[in-house]
Protein backbone atom coordinates (compact mmCIF):
# COMPACT_ATOMS: atom_id res chain seq x y z
CA MET A 1 -9.87 -37.00 26.35
CA GLU A 2 -8.61 -37.36 29.48
CA ASN A 3 -9.50 -34.84 32.15
CA LEU A 4 -6.54 -31.88 32.28
CA ASN A 5 -5.75 -29.13 34.00
CA ILE A 6 -5.03 -26.69 31.83
CA ALA A 7 -2.26 -24.44 33.13
CA ARG A 8 -2.38 -20.55 31.95
CA PRO A 9 -1.05 -19.27 29.71
CA ASP A 10 2.45 -17.61 30.46
CA LYS A 11 2.71 -13.96 29.11
CA SER A 12 5.33 -15.66 26.18
CA GLU A 13 2.95 -17.05 24.57
CA TYR A 14 -0.15 -14.49 23.64
CA ALA A 15 -0.17 -10.85 22.28
CA PRO A 16 0.52 -8.19 25.54
CA TYR A 17 -2.47 -6.36 23.57
CA TYR A 18 -4.57 -9.96 24.98
CA GLU A 19 -3.12 -9.38 28.92
CA LYS A 20 -6.38 -7.21 29.57
CA TYR A 21 -8.70 -9.92 28.87
CA MET A 22 -5.89 -12.70 30.09
CA SER A 23 -6.39 -10.14 33.35
CA LEU A 24 -10.27 -10.90 33.84
CA VAL A 25 -9.43 -15.43 33.99
CA PRO A 26 -10.16 -16.44 36.93
CA ALA A 27 -7.67 -18.72 37.59
CA GLY A 28 -8.85 -22.48 37.75
CA ASP A 29 -10.32 -25.04 35.37
CA ILE A 30 -10.42 -22.59 31.98
CA ILE A 31 -13.18 -25.74 30.20
CA ALA A 32 -15.05 -24.76 33.57
CA THR A 33 -15.02 -21.36 33.14
CA LEU A 34 -15.95 -21.02 30.04
CA GLY A 35 -19.03 -23.62 30.52
CA GLN A 36 -19.89 -20.71 33.44
CA GLN A 37 -19.52 -18.06 32.13
CA LEU A 38 -22.03 -18.56 29.39
CA GLU A 39 -24.55 -19.70 31.83
CA SER A 40 -24.02 -16.42 32.97
CA THR A 41 -24.23 -14.77 29.71
CA LEU A 42 -27.43 -16.36 28.56
CA ALA A 43 -29.42 -15.12 32.46
CA THR A 44 -28.22 -11.66 31.11
CA LEU A 45 -28.93 -11.88 27.73
CA ARG A 46 -32.55 -13.47 28.78
CA GLY A 47 -33.48 -10.00 31.01
CA ILE A 48 -32.94 -7.78 27.96
CA THR A 49 -36.01 -5.93 26.16
CA GLU A 50 -35.61 -5.95 22.12
CA GLU A 51 -35.60 -2.27 22.31
CA GLN A 52 -33.03 -2.59 25.07
CA ALA A 53 -31.17 -4.80 22.68
CA ASN A 54 -32.41 -1.63 19.94
CA SER A 55 -30.12 0.65 22.31
CA ARG A 56 -27.02 1.84 21.85
CA TYR A 57 -25.00 3.32 25.22
CA ALA A 58 -23.43 6.33 23.11
CA GLU A 59 -23.10 7.78 19.44
CA GLY A 60 -22.05 5.43 17.70
CA LYS A 61 -21.13 2.89 19.72
CA TRP A 62 -22.80 -0.89 19.30
CA SER A 63 -25.73 -1.79 19.56
CA VAL A 64 -26.49 -4.25 22.11
CA LYS A 65 -26.91 -6.97 19.77
CA GLU A 66 -23.74 -6.04 17.51
CA LEU A 67 -22.11 -6.35 20.81
CA ILE A 68 -23.55 -9.53 21.85
CA GLY A 69 -22.64 -9.71 17.65
CA HIS A 70 -19.56 -9.15 17.83
CA ILE A 71 -18.48 -11.75 21.12
CA ILE A 72 -20.18 -14.23 18.01
CA ASP A 73 -17.49 -13.24 15.85
CA SER A 74 -14.78 -12.98 18.21
CA GLU A 75 -15.71 -15.89 19.43
CA ARG A 76 -16.21 -18.25 16.05
CA ILE A 77 -12.59 -16.91 14.82
CA PHE A 78 -10.67 -17.57 16.97
CA GLY A 79 -12.61 -21.32 18.14
CA TYR A 80 -11.22 -21.75 13.96
CA ARG A 81 -7.69 -20.52 15.41
CA ALA A 82 -7.29 -23.14 18.64
CA LEU A 83 -8.41 -25.85 15.82
CA ARG A 84 -5.76 -25.32 13.82
CA PHE A 85 -3.14 -24.66 16.38
CA ALA A 86 -4.61 -27.61 17.66
CA ARG A 87 -3.57 -29.94 15.22
CA ASN A 88 -0.63 -27.80 14.60
CA ASP A 89 -1.15 -25.92 11.45
CA GLN A 90 1.85 -23.55 10.67
CA THR A 91 -0.12 -20.98 8.40
CA PRO A 92 -0.07 -17.51 9.44
CA LEU A 93 -3.54 -16.63 10.14
CA PRO A 94 -4.72 -14.07 8.99
CA GLY A 95 -6.41 -10.56 11.71
CA TYR A 96 -10.52 -9.13 10.84
CA GLU A 97 -10.84 -6.12 11.77
CA GLN A 98 -13.60 -6.23 14.16
CA ASP A 99 -16.45 -2.80 13.34
CA ASP A 100 -15.96 -3.73 9.74
CA TYR A 101 -17.47 -7.01 10.78
CA VAL A 102 -20.33 -6.15 13.00
CA ASN A 103 -20.53 -3.56 9.51
CA ASN A 104 -21.82 -6.62 7.28
CA ALA A 105 -23.04 -8.56 9.85
CA LYS A 106 -26.56 -6.61 9.97
CA PHE A 107 -27.14 -7.56 13.86
CA GLY A 108 -29.96 -5.33 14.49
CA GLU A 109 -31.91 -7.22 11.44
CA LEU A 110 -32.41 -10.72 13.75
CA SER A 111 -33.20 -11.49 16.90
CA LEU A 112 -31.54 -10.84 20.48
CA SER A 113 -33.44 -14.70 20.98
CA ASP A 114 -31.64 -16.08 18.03
CA LEU A 115 -27.77 -14.02 18.89
CA ALA A 116 -28.16 -15.98 22.45
CA GLU A 117 -29.45 -18.81 20.30
CA GLU A 118 -26.41 -18.95 18.16
CA LEU A 119 -23.85 -17.79 20.92
CA GLU A 120 -25.01 -20.53 22.78
CA HIS A 121 -25.06 -23.28 20.07
CA LEU A 122 -21.22 -22.20 19.48
CA ARG A 123 -19.90 -21.96 23.67
CA LYS A 124 -21.12 -25.61 23.08
CA ALA A 125 -19.72 -26.75 19.90
CA ASN A 126 -16.73 -24.85 21.20
CA LEU A 127 -16.84 -26.64 24.59
CA CYS A 128 -16.51 -30.06 22.75
CA LEU A 129 -13.80 -29.12 20.48
CA PHE A 130 -11.50 -27.93 23.64
CA ARG A 131 -12.50 -30.97 25.33
CA GLN A 132 -11.02 -33.25 22.29
CA PHE A 133 -6.86 -31.54 22.93
CA ASP A 134 -4.37 -32.73 24.46
CA ALA A 135 -1.75 -31.71 26.66
CA GLU A 136 0.28 -31.62 23.84
CA ALA A 137 -2.26 -29.76 21.59
CA TRP A 138 -3.29 -27.71 24.70
CA GLN A 139 0.59 -26.45 23.96
CA ARG A 140 0.95 -26.06 20.93
CA GLN A 141 1.05 -22.24 19.10
CA GLY A 142 0.87 -20.98 16.13
CA GLU A 143 0.84 -16.82 14.25
CA ALA A 144 -2.91 -15.07 13.78
CA ASN A 145 -2.57 -11.07 13.31
CA GLU A 146 1.84 -11.55 12.82
CA GLN A 147 1.68 -12.87 16.46
CA LYS A 148 2.11 -15.87 18.36
CA ALA A 149 -0.29 -17.21 20.41
CA SER A 150 -0.98 -20.95 22.64
CA VAL A 151 -4.05 -23.04 22.09
CA ARG A 152 -4.62 -22.50 25.87
CA ALA A 153 -3.94 -18.78 25.70
CA ILE A 154 -6.70 -18.48 22.52
CA VAL A 155 -9.20 -20.35 24.65
CA HIS A 156 -8.52 -18.31 27.66
CA ILE A 157 -9.00 -14.99 25.15
CA ILE A 158 -12.05 -16.17 24.16
CA ALA A 159 -13.69 -15.81 27.33
CA GLY A 160 -11.52 -12.75 28.74
CA HIS A 161 -13.37 -11.26 25.49
CA GLU A 162 -16.22 -11.82 26.65
CA THR A 163 -16.31 -11.78 30.07
CA HIS A 164 -15.13 -7.58 28.70
CA HIS A 165 -17.60 -7.56 26.76
CA MET A 166 -20.61 -9.01 29.01
CA ASN A 167 -18.38 -6.29 31.85
CA ILE A 168 -19.84 -3.27 29.24
CA LEU A 169 -23.35 -4.66 28.62
CA ARG A 170 -24.01 -5.09 32.24
CA THR A 171 -22.21 -1.21 33.56
CA ARG A 172 -22.48 1.06 30.52
CA TYR A 173 -26.26 -0.17 28.56
CA LEU A 174 -27.82 -1.94 31.39
CA SER A 175 -26.89 0.22 34.26
CA SER A 176 -29.69 2.47 34.57
CA THR A 177 -32.26 0.00 33.27
CA SER A 178 -34.21 -2.91 35.95
CA ALA A 179 -32.63 -5.64 32.93
CA ALA A 180 -29.13 -6.44 34.82
């Protein structure tokens, strides 16, 4: 596909809830941002021990592994939404309950390196998908969780969601350790 300059989505292209993620995405090429973000995230994860990966910053909060698992699950779901909408599938999609996903995933039984590898493969697969979208596909919209969203908004949400959670990881889980 041609090298497209994917404009930042208009606020009408996503639910107001997602503004907290959109505000974290830098202006510019979203595909390049996703690639750079992956490298930064993987570098951070390589500096975390298994002991740290099983830790929680507070009672009732996710462990580092659960946090990374949540990023993976969310990217997988949002990538699927982007695919469906880009292909002009107008079937409304359901939402998902993030806590149920984390509670049923057993991320704690996996190694952090396995989770990092899964995230890497998933992001690279999504980048391959996103690069094939033409200008028309990026503009298409669909409905998920009873909210309209454009393909370009979904891809920006993926980036902002990861940034949001990696900021939490760095400030709440790793701020008092040498893994940051």
